[in-house]
Every structure is written in C-alpha cells, then in structure tokens.
Amino acid sequence: MIDRNFKMKIAVELKDFDTYYTLNLACHDLFMKMSGNDQMRKIVTPIKQRLCDFPKRIYIKEWELINCKEHDQIINFIKRGIL
C-alpha cells in the first residue's frame, strides 16, 4: 500500500495520470478489502464500478497530491492500529 501511494505521487509529478488513476483505484480496493466490512464492499463495489466507466480526464495536481496525503494518513492510522 505504501509503495502504491508513493508511485501515485511520482505519477502525479510526471503527469502520468493513467498510472495515477490505476494506482488510486488499487489503493481504494485494498482499503476496502482491509476493512473486513463485507456489507460495505457489497454496496460500494457496484457504485465504484459504475463511476469507473467514466474515468476522470481532468486532473488538478494539488488535488491529487492531497489525495495521496490522505492515503498517507490512513496508512499511518492502520500502522498505529487506529483503523
């Protein structure tokens, strides 16, 4: 997970938003899997799949880096046993 988020930051810097998008989806899949909340996954997965049919084509570097920072916070919470 840490590796994916790091690669996302690099992809943003390189303006490789296809890679960023793919890695971001993978991070969210992993967060959901780690939650162990099967009911949430049953609800969120179909919604997420529908949203993925319309991939974002406009990226704002600052927003994407904020997304990475939020992932870092979640990762830190997981490491500390808070989540």
C-alpha atoms as a PDB file:
ATOM      1  CA  MET A   1       0.000   0.000   0.000  1.00  0.00           C
ATOM      2  CA  ILE A   2       2.796   2.410   0.907  1.00  0.00           C
ATOM      3  CA  ASP A   3       4.525   1.557  -2.352  1.00  0.00           C
ATOM      4  CA  ARG A   4       1.369   2.249  -4.368  1.00  0.00           C
ATOM      5  CA  ASN A   5       0.846   5.630  -2.757  1.00  0.00           C
ATOM      6  CA  PHE A   6       4.499   6.566  -3.357  1.00  0.00           C
ATOM      7  CA  LYS A   7       4.141   5.563  -7.008  1.00  0.00           C
ATOM      8  CA  MET A   8       0.983   7.682  -7.209  1.00  0.00           C
ATOM      9  CA  LYS A   9       2.939  10.747  -6.090  1.00  0.00           C
ATOM     10  CA  ILE A  10       5.584  10.082  -8.721  1.00  0.00           C
ATOM     11  CA  ALA A  11       2.912   9.608 -11.381  1.00  0.00           C
ATOM     12  CA  VAL A  12       1.372  12.977 -10.462  1.00  0.00           C
ATOM     13  CA  GLU A  13       4.756  14.682 -10.719  1.00  0.00           C
ATOM     14  CA  LEU A  14       5.333  13.042 -14.115  1.00  0.00           C
ATOM     15  CA  LYS A  15       1.806  13.942 -15.227  1.00  0.00           C
ATOM     16  CA  ASP A  16       1.200  10.242 -15.853  1.00  0.00           C
ATOM     17  CA  PHE A  17      -2.418  10.364 -14.808  1.00  0.00           C
ATOM     18  CA  ASP A  18      -3.368   6.995 -16.309  1.00  0.00           C
ATOM     19  CA  THR A  19      -0.918   5.323 -13.921  1.00  0.00           C
ATOM     20  CA  TYR A  20      -2.089   7.566 -11.085  1.00  0.00           C
ATOM     21  CA  TYR A  21      -5.720   6.626 -11.744  1.00  0.00           C
ATOM     22  CA  THR A  22      -4.974   2.891 -11.854  1.00  0.00           C
ATOM     23  CA  LEU A  23      -2.937   3.036  -8.632  1.00  0.00           C
ATOM     24  CA  ASN A  24      -5.585   5.129  -6.892  1.00  0.00           C
ATOM     25  CA  LEU A  25      -8.255   2.549  -7.696  1.00  0.00           C
ATOM     26  CA  ALA A  26      -5.944  -0.197  -6.394  1.00  0.00           C
ATOM     27  CA  CYS A  27      -5.419   1.715  -3.122  1.00  0.00           C
ATOM     28  CA  HIS A  28      -9.136   2.105  -2.599  1.00  0.00           C
ATOM     29  CA  ASP A  29      -9.701  -1.586  -3.360  1.00  0.00           C
ATOM     30  CA  LEU A  30      -7.083  -2.500  -0.784  1.00  0.00           C
ATOM     31  CA  PHE A  31      -8.545  -0.165   1.854  1.00  0.00           C
ATOM     32  CA  MET A  32     -11.966  -1.752   1.355  1.00  0.00           C
ATOM     33  CA  LYS A  33     -10.526  -5.266   1.492  1.00  0.00           C
ATOM     34  CA  MET A  34      -8.598  -4.478   4.664  1.00  0.00           C
ATOM     35  CA  SER A  35     -11.728  -3.108   6.321  1.00  0.00           C
ATOM     36  CA  GLY A  36     -13.182  -6.598   6.513  1.00  0.00           C
ATOM     37  CA  ASN A  37     -16.585  -4.984   6.072  1.00  0.00           C
ATOM     38  CA  ASP A  38     -18.217  -7.244   3.501  1.00  0.00           C
ATOM     39  CA  GLN A  39     -21.521  -5.376   3.617  1.00  0.00           C
ATOM     40  CA  MET A  40     -19.783  -2.092   2.748  1.00  0.00           C
ATOM     41  CA  ARG A  41     -17.912  -3.775  -0.109  1.00  0.00           C
ATOM     42  CA  LYS A  42     -21.178  -5.192  -1.499  1.00  0.00           C
ATOM     43  CA  ILE A  43     -22.662  -1.701  -1.560  1.00  0.00           C
ATOM     44  CA  VAL A  44     -19.634   0.326  -2.650  1.00  0.00           C
ATOM     45  CA  THR A  45     -18.176  -2.003  -5.310  1.00  0.00           C
ATOM     46  CA  PRO A  46     -21.013  -1.704  -7.866  1.00  0.00           C
ATOM     47  CA  ILE A  47     -21.158   2.063  -7.378  1.00  0.00           C
ATOM     48  CA  LYS A  48     -17.408   2.326  -7.832  1.00  0.00           C
ATOM     49  CA  GLN A  49     -17.539   0.186 -10.972  1.00  0.00           C
ATOM     50  CA  ARG A  50     -20.166   2.486 -12.467  1.00  0.00           C
ATOM     51  CA  LEU A  51     -18.022   5.522 -11.694  1.00  0.00           C
ATOM     52  CA  CYS A  52     -15.005   3.866 -13.306  1.00  0.00           C
ATOM     53  CA  ASP A  53     -16.933   3.741 -16.574  1.00  0.00           C
ATOM     54  CA  PHE A  54     -16.397   7.499 -16.704  1.00  0.00           C
ATOM     55  CA  PRO A  55     -12.699   7.972 -15.903  1.00  0.00           C
ATOM     56  CA  LYS A  56     -11.654  11.420 -14.901  1.00  0.00           C
ATOM     57  CA  ARG A  57      -9.751  13.203 -17.642  1.00  0.00           C
ATOM     58  CA  ILE A  58      -9.084  16.490 -15.874  1.00  0.00           C
ATOM     59  CA  TYR A  59      -6.521  16.320 -13.106  1.00  0.00           C
ATOM     60  CA  ILE A  60      -5.516  19.078 -10.760  1.00  0.00           C
ATOM     61  CA  LYS A  61      -2.081  18.316  -9.394  1.00  0.00           C
ATOM     62  CA  GLU A  62      -2.748  19.893  -5.997  1.00  0.00           C
ATOM     63  CA  TRP A  63      -5.940  17.879  -5.506  1.00  0.00           C
ATOM     64  CA  GLU A  64      -4.279  14.623  -6.478  1.00  0.00           C
ATOM     65  CA  LEU A  65      -1.411  15.295  -4.062  1.00  0.00           C
ATOM     66  CA  ILE A  66      -3.962  15.990  -1.315  1.00  0.00           C
ATOM     67  CA  ASN A  67      -5.472  12.586  -2.141  1.00  0.00           C
ATOM     68  CA  CYS A  68      -2.034  11.000  -1.686  1.00  0.00           C
ATOM     69  CA  LYS A  69      -1.604  12.837   1.627  1.00  0.00           C
ATOM     70  CA  GLU A  70      -4.961  11.482   2.800  1.00  0.00           C
ATOM     71  CA  HIS A  71      -3.826   7.978   1.836  1.00  0.00           C
ATOM     72  CA  ASP A  72      -0.666   8.561   3.907  1.00  0.00           C
ATOM     73  CA  GLN A  73      -2.838   9.485   6.886  1.00  0.00           C
ATOM     74  CA  ILE A  74      -4.945   6.337   6.503  1.00  0.00           C
ATOM     75  CA  ILE A  75      -1.787   4.229   6.184  1.00  0.00           C
ATOM     76  CA  ASN A  76      -0.389   5.804   9.368  1.00  0.00           C
ATOM     77  CA  PHE A  77      -3.638   5.121  11.225  1.00  0.00           C
ATOM     78  CA  ILE A  78      -3.502   1.477  10.108  1.00  0.00           C
ATOM     79  CA  LYS A  79       0.142   1.173  11.238  1.00  0.00           C
ATOM     80  CA  ARG A  80      -0.773   2.628  14.634  1.00  0.00           C
ATOM     81  CA  GLY A  81      -3.744   0.285  14.968  1.00  0.00           C
ATOM     82  CA  ILE A  82      -6.265   3.119  14.980  1.00  0.00           C
ATOM     83  CA  LEU A  83      -8.084   1.737  11.924  1.00  0.00           C
END
